[in-house]
PDB file of all heavy atoms in Angstrom:
ATOM      1  N   VAL A   1     200.409 202.820 245.670  1.00  0.00           N
ATOM      2  CA  VAL A   1     200.093 204.236 245.465  1.00  0.00           C
ATOM      3  C   VAL A   1     201.237 205.042 246.059  1.00  0.00           C
ATOM      4  O   VAL A   1     201.549 204.901 247.244  1.00  0.00           O
ATOM      5  CB  VAL A   1     198.758 204.628 246.123  1.00  0.00           C
ATOM      6  CG1 VAL A   1     198.515 206.125 245.967  1.00  0.00           C
ATOM      7  CG2 VAL A   1     197.610 203.843 245.507  1.00  0.00           C
ATOM      8  N   ILE A   2     201.871 205.850 245.253  1.00  0.00           N
ATOM      9  CA  ILE A   2     203.010 206.633 245.724  1.00  0.00           C
ATOM     10  C   ILE A   2     202.515 207.734 246.655  1.00  0.00           C
ATOM     11  O   ILE A   2     201.644 208.526 246.298  1.00  0.00           O
ATOM     12  CB  ILE A   2     203.795 207.223 244.539  1.00  0.00           C
ATOM     13  CG1 ILE A   2     204.427 206.083 243.735  1.00  0.00           C
ATOM     14  CG2 ILE A   2     204.868 208.197 245.026  1.00  0.00           C
ATOM     15  CD1 ILE A   2     205.106 206.525 242.470  1.00  0.00           C
ATOM     16  N   GLY A   3     203.086 207.765 247.862  1.00  0.00           N
ATOM     17  CA  GLY A   3     202.706 208.768 248.854  1.00  0.00           C
ATOM     18  C   GLY A   3     203.810 209.770 249.084  1.00  0.00           C
ATOM     19  O   GLY A   3     204.106 210.117 250.223  1.00  0.00           O
ATOM     20  N   MET A   4     204.403 210.228 248.011  1.00  0.00           N
ATOM     21  CA  MET A   4     205.466 211.226 248.088  1.00  0.00           C
ATOM     22  C   MET A   4     205.169 212.334 247.095  1.00  0.00           C
ATOM     23  O   MET A   4     204.655 212.077 245.999  1.00  0.00           O
ATOM     24  CB  MET A   4     206.827 210.597 247.782  1.00  0.00           C
ATOM     25  CG  MET A   4     207.178 209.422 248.680  1.00  0.00           C
ATOM     26  SD  MET A   4     208.756 208.685 248.204  1.00  0.00           S
ATOM     27  CE  MET A   4     208.664 207.137 249.127  1.00  0.00           C
ATOM     28  N   ALA A   5     205.506 213.554 247.468  1.00  0.00           N
ATOM     29  CA  ALA A   5     205.230 214.689 246.590  1.00  0.00           C
ATOM     30  C   ALA A   5     205.956 214.546 245.262  1.00  0.00           C
ATOM     31  O   ALA A   5     205.397 214.826 244.201  1.00  0.00           O
ATOM     32  CB  ALA A   5     205.633 215.984 247.285  1.00  0.00           C
ATOM     33  N   ASP A   6     207.207 214.094 245.300  1.00  0.00           N
ATOM     34  CA  ASP A   6     207.972 213.881 244.077  1.00  0.00           C
ATOM     35  C   ASP A   6     207.692 212.479 243.569  1.00  0.00           C
ATOM     36  O   ASP A   6     208.511 211.566 243.701  1.00  0.00           O
ATOM     37  CB  ASP A   6     209.462 214.101 244.347  1.00  0.00           C
ATOM     38  CG  ASP A   6     210.307 214.040 243.081  1.00  0.00           C
ATOM     39  OD1 ASP A   6     209.740 213.784 242.000  1.00  0.00           O
ATOM     40  OD2 ASP A   6     211.532 214.234 243.180  1.00  0.00           O
ATOM     41  N   HIS A   7     206.520 212.307 242.973  1.00  0.00           N
ATOM     42  CA  HIS A   7     206.097 210.969 242.554  1.00  0.00           C
ATOM     43  C   HIS A   7     206.952 210.448 241.403  1.00  0.00           C
ATOM     44  O   HIS A   7     207.125 209.238 241.246  1.00  0.00           O
ATOM     45  CB  HIS A   7     204.620 210.980 242.174  1.00  0.00           C
ATOM     46  CG  HIS A   7     204.288 211.864 241.011  1.00  0.00           C
ATOM     47  ND1 HIS A   7     204.372 211.441 239.713  1.00  0.00           N
ATOM     48  CD2 HIS A   7     203.886 213.158 240.961  1.00  0.00           C
ATOM     49  CE1 HIS A   7     204.011 212.422 238.900  1.00  0.00           C
ATOM     50  NE2 HIS A   7     203.725 213.476 239.627  1.00  0.00           N
ATOM     51  N   ARG A   8     207.505 211.332 240.595  1.00  0.00           N
ATOM     52  CA  ARG A   8     208.320 210.890 239.466  1.00  0.00           C
ATOM     53  C   ARG A   8     209.591 210.164 239.946  1.00  0.00           C
ATOM     54  O   ARG A   8     209.918 209.081 239.472  1.00  0.00           O
ATOM     55  CB  ARG A   8     208.689 212.084 238.586  1.00  0.00           C
ATOM     56  CG  ARG A   8     207.532 212.606 237.746  1.00  0.00           C
ATOM     57  CD  ARG A   8     207.906 213.867 236.999  1.00  0.00           C
ATOM     58  NE  ARG A   8     206.891 214.233 236.041  1.00  0.00           N
ATOM     59  CZ  ARG A   8     205.761 214.855 236.359  1.00  0.00           C
ATOM     60  NH1 ARG A   8     205.545 215.195 237.626  1.00  0.00           N
ATOM     61  NH2 ARG A   8     204.864 215.151 235.435  1.00  0.00           N
ATOM     62  N   THR A   9     210.301 210.779 240.884  1.00  0.00           N
ATOM     63  CA  THR A   9     211.511 210.151 241.412  1.00  0.00           C
ATOM     64  C   THR A   9     211.188 208.847 242.127  1.00  0.00           C
ATOM     65  O   THR A   9     211.905 207.846 241.991  1.00  0.00           O
ATOM     66  CB  THR A   9     212.232 211.118 242.365  1.00  0.00           C
ATOM     67  OG1 THR A   9     212.612 212.292 241.646  1.00  0.00           O
ATOM     68  CG2 THR A   9     213.470 210.481 242.967  1.00  0.00           C
ATOM     69  N   ALA A  10     210.088 208.853 242.896  1.00  0.00           N
ATOM     70  CA  ALA A  10     209.696 207.645 243.626  1.00  0.00           C
ATOM     71  C   ALA A  10     209.352 206.512 242.664  1.00  0.00           C
ATOM     72  O   ALA A  10     209.773 205.364 242.872  1.00  0.00           O
ATOM     73  CB  ALA A  10     208.516 207.952 244.535  1.00  0.00           C
ATOM     74  N   ALA A  11     208.592 206.820 241.609  1.00  0.00           N
ATOM     75  CA  ALA A  11     208.226 205.785 240.639  1.00  0.00           C
ATOM     76  C   ALA A  11     209.462 205.258 239.915  1.00  0.00           C
ATOM     77  O   ALA A  11     209.596 204.045 239.687  1.00  0.00           O
ATOM     78  CB  ALA A  11     207.223 206.347 239.637  1.00  0.00           C
ATOM     79  N   ALA A  12     210.376 206.156 239.561  1.00  0.00           N
ATOM     80  CA  ALA A  12     211.601 205.721 238.883  1.00  0.00           C
ATOM     81  C   ALA A  12     212.425 204.805 239.779  1.00  0.00           C
ATOM     82  O   ALA A  12     213.024 203.823 239.302  1.00  0.00           O
ATOM     83  CB  ALA A  12     212.418 206.948 238.466  1.00  0.00           C
ATOM     84  N   ARG A  13     212.450 205.110 241.079  1.00  0.00           N
ATOM     85  CA  ARG A  13     213.195 204.279 242.021  1.00  0.00           C
ATOM     86  C   ARG A  13     212.595 202.872 242.081  1.00  0.00           C
ATOM     87  O   ARG A  13     213.336 201.873 242.093  1.00  0.00           O
ATOM     88  CB  ARG A  13     213.204 204.941 243.400  1.00  0.00           C
ATOM     89  CG  ARG A  13     214.043 204.219 244.422  1.00  0.00           C
ATOM     90  CD  ARG A  13     214.415 205.135 245.586  1.00  0.00           C
ATOM     91  NE  ARG A  13     213.263 205.701 246.268  1.00  0.00           N
ATOM     92  CZ  ARG A  13     212.968 207.007 246.301  1.00  0.00           C
ATOM     93  NH1 ARG A  13     213.737 207.885 245.692  1.00  0.00           N
ATOM     94  NH2 ARG A  13     211.908 207.443 246.956  1.00  0.00           N
ATOM     95  N   LEU A  14     211.289 202.778 242.129  1.00  0.00           N
ATOM     96  CA  LEU A  14     210.639 201.471 242.174  1.00  0.00           C
ATOM     97  C   LEU A  14     210.876 200.688 240.887  1.00  0.00           C
ATOM     98  O   LEU A  14     211.209 199.501 240.907  1.00  0.00           O
ATOM     99  CB  LEU A  14     209.140 201.648 242.409  1.00  0.00           C
ATOM    100  CG  LEU A  14     208.702 202.230 243.763  1.00  0.00           C
ATOM    101  CD1 LEU A  14     207.195 202.444 243.778  1.00  0.00           C
ATOM    102  CD2 LEU A  14     209.125 201.336 244.919  1.00  0.00           C
ATOM    103  N   GLN A  15     210.688 201.382 239.766  1.00  0.00           N
ATOM    104  CA  GLN A  15     210.784 200.692 238.482  1.00  0.00           C
ATOM    105  C   GLN A  15     212.213 200.266 238.164  1.00  0.00           C
ATOM    106  O   GLN A  15     212.443 199.188 237.606  1.00  0.00           O
ATOM    107  CB  GLN A  15     210.218 201.599 237.388  1.00  0.00           C
ATOM    108  CG  GLN A  15     208.709 201.795 237.513  1.00  0.00           C
ATOM    109  CD  GLN A  15     208.179 202.977 236.731  1.00  0.00           C
ATOM    110  OE1 GLN A  15     208.948 203.766 236.168  1.00  0.00           O
ATOM    111  NE2 GLN A  15     206.858 203.127 236.692  1.00  0.00           N
ATOM    112  N   SER A  16     213.187 201.107 238.520  1.00  0.00           N
ATOM    113  CA  SER A  16     214.575 200.785 238.188  1.00  0.00           C
ATOM    114  C   SER A  16     215.098 199.602 239.000  1.00  0.00           C
ATOM    115  O   SER A  16     216.056 198.935 238.594  1.00  0.00           O
ATOM    116  CB  SER A  16     215.469 202.006 238.419  1.00  0.00           C
ATOM    117  OG  SER A  16     215.502 202.357 239.801  1.00  0.00           O
ATOM    118  N   SER A  17     214.469 199.336 240.141  1.00  0.00           N
ATOM    119  CA  SER A  17     214.926 198.212 240.967  1.00  0.00           C
ATOM    120  C   SER A  17     214.609 196.874 240.324  1.00  0.00           C
ATOM    121  O   SER A  17     215.243 195.853 240.634  1.00  0.00           O
ATOM    122  CB  SER A  17     214.276 198.272 242.351  1.00  0.00           C
ATOM    123  OG  SER A  17     212.906 197.887 242.282  1.00  0.00           O
ATOM    124  N   GLY A  18     213.594 196.849 239.457  1.00  0.00           N
ATOM    125  CA  GLY A  18     213.204 195.610 238.806  1.00  0.00           C
ATOM    126  C   GLY A  18     212.451 194.641 239.691  1.00  0.00           C
ATOM    127  O   GLY A  18     212.183 193.508 239.281  1.00  0.00           O
ATOM    128  N   ARG A  19     212.094 195.074 240.900  1.00  0.00           N
ATOM    129  CA  ARG A  19     211.482 194.151 241.867  1.00  0.00           C
ATOM    130  C   ARG A  19     209.960 194.305 241.960  1.00  0.00           C
ATOM    131  O   ARG A  19     209.309 193.543 242.679  1.00  0.00           O
ATOM    132  CB  ARG A  19     212.093 194.373 243.259  1.00  0.00           C
ATOM    133  CG  ARG A  19     213.609 194.256 243.288  1.00  0.00           C
ATOM    134  CD  ARG A  19     214.156 194.555 244.673  1.00  0.00           C
ATOM    135  NE  ARG A  19     213.837 193.517 245.645  1.00  0.00           N
ATOM    136  CZ  ARG A  19     214.001 193.629 246.955  1.00  0.00           C
ATOM    137  NH1 ARG A  19     214.479 194.783 247.457  1.00  0.00           N
ATOM    138  NH2 ARG A  19     213.698 192.649 247.773  1.00  0.00           N
ATOM    139  N   PHE A  20     209.400 195.272 241.246  1.00  0.00           N
ATOM    140  CA  PHE A  20     207.973 195.583 241.424  1.00  0.00           C
ATOM    141  C   PHE A  20     207.178 195.395 240.134  1.00  0.00           C
ATOM    142  O   PHE A  20     206.139 196.029 239.938  1.00  0.00           O
ATOM    143  CB  PHE A  20     207.814 197.023 241.919  1.00  0.00           C
ATOM    144  CG  PHE A  20     208.462 197.282 243.253  1.00  0.00           C
ATOM    145  CD1 PHE A  20     209.778 197.695 243.322  1.00  0.00           C
ATOM    146  CD2 PHE A  20     207.765 197.088 244.431  1.00  0.00           C
ATOM    147  CE1 PHE A  20     210.397 197.933 244.545  1.00  0.00           C
ATOM    148  CE2 PHE A  20     208.370 197.312 245.660  1.00  0.00           C
ATOM    149  CZ  PHE A  20     209.686 197.735 245.714  1.00  0.00           C
ATOM    150  N   SER A  21     207.646 194.519 239.263  1.00  0.00           N
ATOM    151  CA  SER A  21     206.991 194.349 237.958  1.00  0.00           C
ATOM    152  C   SER A  21     205.570 193.814 238.087  1.00  0.00           C
ATOM    153  O   SER A  21     204.723 194.046 237.216  1.00  0.00           O
ATOM    154  CB  SER A  21     207.825 193.422 237.073  1.00  0.00           C
ATOM    155  OG  SER A  21     208.011 192.164 237.704  1.00  0.00           O
ATOM    156  N   ARG A  22     205.281 193.109 239.174  1.00  0.00           N
ATOM    157  CA  ARG A  22     203.935 192.548 239.357  1.00  0.00           C
ATOM    158  C   ARG A  22     202.969 193.528 240.008  1.00  0.00           C
ATOM    159  O   ARG A  22     201.771 193.228 240.124  1.00  0.00           O
ATOM    160  CB  ARG A  22     204.005 191.274 240.198  1.00  0.00           C
ATOM    161  CG  ARG A  22     204.377 191.511 241.656  1.00  0.00           C
ATOM    162  CD  ARG A  22     204.644 190.225 242.411  1.00  0.00           C
ATOM    163  NE  ARG A  22     205.019 190.456 243.800  1.00  0.00           N
ATOM    164  CZ  ARG A  22     204.207 190.253 244.833  1.00  0.00           C
ATOM    165  NH1 ARG A  22     202.975 189.809 244.634  1.00  0.00           N
ATOM    166  NH2 ARG A  22     204.632 190.481 246.063  1.00  0.00           N
ATOM    167  N   ASN A  23     203.475 194.665 240.452  1.00  0.00           N
ATOM    168  CA  ASN A  23     202.641 195.611 241.190  1.00  0.00           C
ATOM    169  C   ASN A  23     202.310 196.831 240.339  1.00  0.00           C
ATOM    170  O   ASN A  23     203.215 197.574 239.934  1.00  0.00           O
ATOM    171  CB  ASN A  23     203.370 196.089 242.449  1.00  0.00           C
ATOM    172  CG  ASN A  23     203.780 194.965 243.367  1.00  0.00           C
ATOM    173  OD1 ASN A  23     204.931 194.549 243.364  1.00  0.00           O
ATOM    174  ND2 ASN A  23     202.832 194.471 244.134  1.00  0.00           N
ATOM    175  N   PRO A  24     201.028 197.077 240.047  1.00  0.00           N
ATOM    176  CA  PRO A  24     200.666 198.319 239.352  1.00  0.00           C
ATOM    177  C   PRO A  24     200.922 199.523 240.260  1.00  0.00           C
ATOM    178  O   PRO A  24     200.709 199.461 241.473  1.00  0.00           O
ATOM    179  CB  PRO A  24     199.175 198.155 239.065  1.00  0.00           C
ATOM    180  CG  PRO A  24     198.697 197.132 240.041  1.00  0.00           C
ATOM    181  CD  PRO A  24     199.866 196.234 240.340  1.00  0.00           C
ATOM    182  N   ILE A  25     201.429 200.592 239.680  1.00  0.00           N
ATOM    183  CA  ILE A  25     201.831 201.770 240.441  1.00  0.00           C
ATOM    184  C   ILE A  25     200.971 202.964 240.032  1.00  0.00           C
ATOM    185  O   ILE A  25     200.811 203.244 238.837  1.00  0.00           O
ATOM    186  CB  ILE A  25     203.328 202.083 240.219  1.00  0.00           C
ATOM    187  CG1 ILE A  25     204.190 200.901 240.662  1.00  0.00           C
ATOM    188  CG2 ILE A  25     203.732 203.353 240.955  1.00  0.00           C
ATOM    189  CD1 ILE A  25     205.664 201.048 240.321  1.00  0.00           C
ATOM    190  N   TYR A  26     200.456 203.678 241.041  1.00  0.00           N
ATOM    191  CA  TYR A  26     199.598 204.840 240.804  1.00  0.00           C
ATOM    192  C   TYR A  26     200.168 206.035 241.586  1.00  0.00           C
ATOM    193  O   TYR A  26     200.920 205.872 242.548  1.00  0.00           O
ATOM    194  CB  TYR A  26     198.166 204.578 241.278  1.00  0.00           C
ATOM    195  CG  TYR A  26     197.525 203.348 240.664  1.00  0.00           C
ATOM    196  CD1 TYR A  26     197.736 202.078 241.224  1.00  0.00           C
ATOM    197  CD2 TYR A  26     196.717 203.449 239.552  1.00  0.00           C
ATOM    198  CE1 TYR A  26     197.156 200.944 240.668  1.00  0.00           C
ATOM    199  CE2 TYR A  26     196.119 202.318 238.988  1.00  0.00           C
ATOM    200  CZ  TYR A  26     196.345 201.084 239.557  1.00  0.00           C
ATOM    201  OH  TYR A  26     195.774 199.961 239.017  1.00  0.00           O
ATOM    202  N   HIS A  27     199.785 207.218 241.185  1.00  0.00           N
ATOM    203  CA  HIS A  27     200.111 208.425 241.952  1.00  0.00           C
ATOM    204  C   HIS A  27     198.954 209.400 241.843  1.00  0.00           C
ATOM    205  O   HIS A  27     198.184 209.375 240.868  1.00  0.00           O
ATOM    206  CB  HIS A  27     201.404 209.073 241.450  1.00  0.00           C
ATOM    207  CG  HIS A  27     201.246 209.776 240.137  1.00  0.00           C
ATOM    208  ND1 HIS A  27     201.429 209.143 238.928  1.00  0.00           N
ATOM    209  CD2 HIS A  27     200.903 211.058 239.849  1.00  0.00           C
ATOM    210  CE1 HIS A  27     201.208 209.987 237.953  1.00  0.00           C
ATOM    211  NE2 HIS A  27     200.887 211.162 238.469  1.00  0.00           N
TER     212      HIS A  27
END
């Protein structure tokens, strides 16, 4: 669960790393 006000940038950072494909992401 993204705990940052700018959830879009945070989600993009996680997804672009390619390391979190197994983890569902919510905001």
